[in-house]
Amino acid sequence: MNTRVPTFPPAESADGLSTNAGHAALLAGLNRDLAGEYRSVLMYTTYAAKLTGPHRRELRSLFLAEVSDELAHAQFLADKIACLGGEPTVTPLHVKSAAQPREMLEHALSCEIQAVMDYGERIRQAEEYGDIGLRVALENQVADETRHKEEVERILSGWNDSTLERARNEGGWSDDYGTK
């Protein structure tokens, strides 16, 4: 494990090879992660606003709680990118539109899974670059994203159309499609 403290801008690694390529790749990856966190903030905020139906209150609370976590992740990433001499992106990744709660949850799950995978790659890059503090911080973000992912998975695993159909028939409410 390389435990050297990188210099900014990076000079040479202990083996005499340039770390500029590693530095550039790390910055590019961190900026992609930042764009992903921006996407999550926008996604959760928008989905919370658009929710309708019998699960609105619970899902709205879940989505809004995620916003503060994702904002904290974004702030950390922007600060780290600037510290490393980069320019933090101001452009989010694309937010998929969704009208139905289940579709929103499925998009959220996809984003959380992608974030865990992306942060795994960034941890490897931080390790190679020799930034142990960044590696540890990213591991903490992976833990957060994994908790988010698992919560959405649990909600989706208990979500089936027959349960909704029974509730619709017993309660007389109409769903997001306007049917009873």
Protein backbone atom coordinates (compact mmCIF):
# COMPACT_ATOMS: atom_id res chain seq x y z
CA MET A 1 0.00 0.00 0.00
CA ASN A 2 1.35 3.38 -1.03
CA THR A 3 1.01 5.77 1.92
CA ARG A 4 2.84 8.80 0.56
CA VAL A 5 1.13 12.14 0.92
CA PRO A 6 0.61 13.55 -2.57
CA THR A 7 1.93 16.96 -3.48
CA PHE A 8 -0.22 19.39 -5.41
CA PRO A 9 0.19 19.48 -8.27
CA PRO A 10 1.51 15.92 -8.20
CA ALA A 11 5.16 15.43 -8.96
CA GLU A 12 6.52 11.91 -9.19
CA SER A 13 5.55 8.76 -7.37
CA ALA A 14 8.05 6.80 -5.27
CA ASP A 15 8.94 4.66 -8.29
CA GLY A 16 9.81 7.76 -10.35
CA LEU A 17 6.76 7.60 -12.61
CA SER A 18 4.63 10.67 -13.22
CA THR A 19 1.41 10.82 -11.22
CA ASN A 20 -0.15 13.37 -13.57
CA ALA A 21 -2.17 10.66 -15.35
CA GLY A 22 -3.43 9.30 -12.03
CA HIS A 23 -4.20 12.81 -10.83
CA ALA A 24 -6.19 13.62 -13.98
CA ALA A 25 -8.10 10.33 -13.84
CA LEU A 26 -8.89 10.85 -10.16
CA LEU A 27 -10.16 14.39 -10.79
CA ALA A 28 -12.28 13.22 -13.73
CA GLY A 29 -13.76 10.42 -11.65
CA LEU A 30 -14.44 12.69 -8.68
CA ASN A 31 -16.19 15.14 -11.01
CA ARG A 32 -18.35 12.32 -12.39
CA ASP A 33 -19.20 11.35 -8.81
CA LEU A 34 -20.05 14.99 -8.05
CA ALA A 35 -22.33 15.12 -11.08
CA GLY A 36 -23.98 11.93 -9.80
CA GLU A 37 -24.57 13.47 -6.38
CA TYR A 38 -26.10 16.56 -8.01
CA ARG A 39 -28.37 14.22 -9.97
CA SER A 40 -29.43 12.50 -6.76
CA VAL A 41 -30.28 15.82 -5.09
CA LEU A 42 -32.39 16.83 -8.07
CA MET A 43 -33.97 13.39 -8.42
CA TYR A 44 -34.97 13.03 -4.77
CA THR A 45 -36.23 16.63 -4.56
CA THR A 46 -38.31 16.28 -7.72
CA TYR A 47 -39.65 12.84 -6.88
CA ALA A 48 -40.66 14.02 -3.37
CA ALA A 49 -42.62 16.86 -4.94
CA LYS A 50 -44.35 14.66 -7.54
CA LEU A 51 -45.42 11.78 -5.29
CA THR A 52 -49.07 10.82 -5.16
CA GLY A 53 -50.96 7.81 -3.91
CA PRO A 54 -51.16 5.81 -0.71
CA HIS A 55 -47.40 5.75 -0.03
CA ARG A 56 -46.83 9.46 -0.60
CA ARG A 57 -46.13 10.47 2.99
CA GLU A 58 -43.60 7.71 3.71
CA LEU A 59 -41.79 7.98 0.38
CA ARG A 60 -41.68 11.77 0.54
CA SER A 61 -39.98 11.54 3.95
CA LEU A 62 -37.52 8.98 2.61
CA PHE A 63 -36.67 11.03 -0.47
CA LEU A 64 -36.26 14.30 1.43
CA ALA A 65 -34.03 12.62 4.01
CA GLU A 66 -31.76 11.47 1.18
CA VAL A 67 -31.35 15.03 -0.13
CA SER A 68 -29.27 16.16 2.87
CA ASP A 69 -27.00 13.11 2.62
CA GLU A 70 -26.45 13.63 -1.09
CA LEU A 71 -25.78 17.35 -0.56
CA ALA A 72 -23.14 16.51 2.04
CA HIS A 73 -21.54 14.06 -0.38
CA ALA A 74 -21.57 16.71 -3.12
CA GLN A 75 -19.99 19.32 -0.85
CA PHE A 76 -17.22 16.92 0.18
CA LEU A 77 -16.49 16.06 -3.45
CA ALA A 78 -16.47 19.69 -4.61
CA ASP A 79 -14.12 20.62 -1.76
CA LYS A 80 -11.79 17.71 -2.52
CA ILE A 81 -11.72 18.45 -6.25
CA ALA A 82 -10.79 22.07 -5.51
CA CYS A 83 -8.16 20.94 -2.99
CA LEU A 84 -6.61 18.72 -5.64
CA GLY A 85 -6.40 21.69 -8.00
CA GLY A 86 -9.39 20.77 -10.14
CA GLU A 87 -12.53 22.62 -11.11
CA PRO A 88 -15.70 21.11 -9.60
CA THR A 89 -18.38 20.43 -12.18
CA VAL A 90 -21.63 22.35 -12.04
CA THR A 91 -23.52 19.96 -14.32
CA PRO A 92 -25.53 17.03 -12.93
CA LEU A 93 -25.89 13.67 -14.60
CA HIS A 94 -29.24 13.19 -16.32
CA VAL A 95 -32.26 12.71 -14.04
CA LYS A 96 -34.76 10.20 -15.37
CA SER A 97 -38.32 11.40 -15.27
CA ALA A 98 -40.79 9.25 -13.36
CA ALA A 99 -44.49 9.64 -12.71
CA GLN A 100 -45.27 6.62 -10.52
CA PRO A 101 -43.83 5.90 -7.06
CA ARG A 102 -42.53 2.46 -8.00
CA GLU A 103 -40.78 3.88 -11.06
CA MET A 104 -39.21 6.57 -8.85
CA LEU A 105 -37.94 3.91 -6.46
CA GLU A 106 -36.53 1.85 -9.32
CA HIS A 107 -34.65 4.89 -10.68
CA ALA A 108 -33.38 5.72 -7.18
CA LEU A 109 -32.16 2.15 -6.73
CA SER A 110 -30.34 2.28 -10.06
CA CYS A 111 -28.60 5.52 -9.05
CA GLU A 112 -27.58 4.16 -5.65
CA ILE A 113 -26.15 0.99 -7.21
CA GLN A 114 -24.20 3.08 -9.74
CA ALA A 115 -22.87 5.33 -6.95
CA VAL A 116 -21.59 2.33 -4.98
CA MET A 117 -19.82 0.97 -8.07
CA ASP A 118 -18.37 4.38 -9.01
CA TYR A 119 -17.11 5.04 -5.48
CA GLY A 120 -15.49 1.60 -5.50
CA GLU A 121 -13.47 2.66 -8.54
CA ARG A 122 -12.64 5.99 -6.93
CA ILE A 123 -11.39 4.23 -3.79
CA ARG A 124 -9.02 2.23 -5.98
CA GLN A 125 -7.82 5.42 -7.68
CA ALA A 126 -7.35 7.23 -4.37
CA GLU A 127 -5.33 4.29 -3.07
CA GLU A 128 -3.11 4.27 -6.16
CA TYR A 129 -2.70 8.03 -5.92
CA GLY A 130 -1.69 7.70 -2.28
CA ASP A 131 -4.48 9.80 -0.78
CA ILE A 132 -5.46 7.66 2.20
CA GLY A 133 -7.75 10.33 3.68
CA LEU A 134 -9.73 10.43 0.45
CA ARG A 135 -9.91 6.65 0.39
CA VAL A 136 -11.35 6.56 3.91
CA ALA A 137 -13.85 9.36 3.19
CA LEU A 138 -15.00 7.56 0.06
CA GLU A 139 -15.40 4.33 2.01
CA ASN A 140 -17.73 6.22 4.36
CA GLN A 141 -19.70 7.48 1.37
CA VAL A 142 -19.97 3.91 0.09
CA ALA A 143 -21.42 2.94 3.46
CA ASP A 144 -24.03 5.73 3.15
CA GLU A 145 -24.91 4.83 -0.43
CA THR A 146 -25.16 1.15 0.50
CA ARG A 147 -27.62 1.99 3.28
CA HIS A 148 -29.67 4.04 0.81
CA LYS A 149 -29.61 1.19 -1.70
CA GLU A 150 -30.65 -1.40 0.88
CA GLU A 151 -33.54 0.74 2.12
CA VAL A 152 -34.91 1.17 -1.40
CA GLU A 153 -34.44 -2.56 -2.07
CA ARG A 154 -36.45 -3.39 1.05
CA ILE A 155 -39.26 -1.08 0.01
CA LEU A 156 -39.36 -2.52 -3.49
CA SER A 157 -39.22 -6.12 -2.24
CA GLY A 158 -42.46 -5.57 -0.32
CA TRP A 159 -44.11 -3.69 -3.13
CA ASN A 160 -46.32 -5.84 -5.28
CA ASP A 161 -49.31 -5.01 -7.38
CA SER A 162 -51.65 -7.44 -5.59
CA THR A 163 -51.14 -5.58 -2.30
CA LEU A 164 -51.99 -2.31 -4.02
CA GLU A 165 -55.00 -3.89 -5.73
CA ARG A 166 -56.34 -5.21 -2.40
CA ALA A 167 -55.90 -1.82 -0.73
CA ARG A 168 -57.59 -0.13 -3.67
CA ASN A 169 -60.58 -2.48 -3.45
CA GLU A 170 -60.88 -2.27 0.33
CA GLY A 171 -60.21 1.42 0.78
CA GLY A 172 -61.94 2.88 -2.22
CA TRP A 173 -59.01 5.15 -3.08
CA SER A 174 -57.78 5.81 -6.57
CA ASP A 175 -54.18 5.29 -7.57
CA ASP A 176 -51.84 7.41 -9.62
CA TYR A 177 -53.50 6.23 -12.80
CA GLY A 178 -56.90 7.61 -11.73
CA THR A 179 -58.44 4.14 -11.43
CA LYS A 180 -60.27 2.72 -8.44
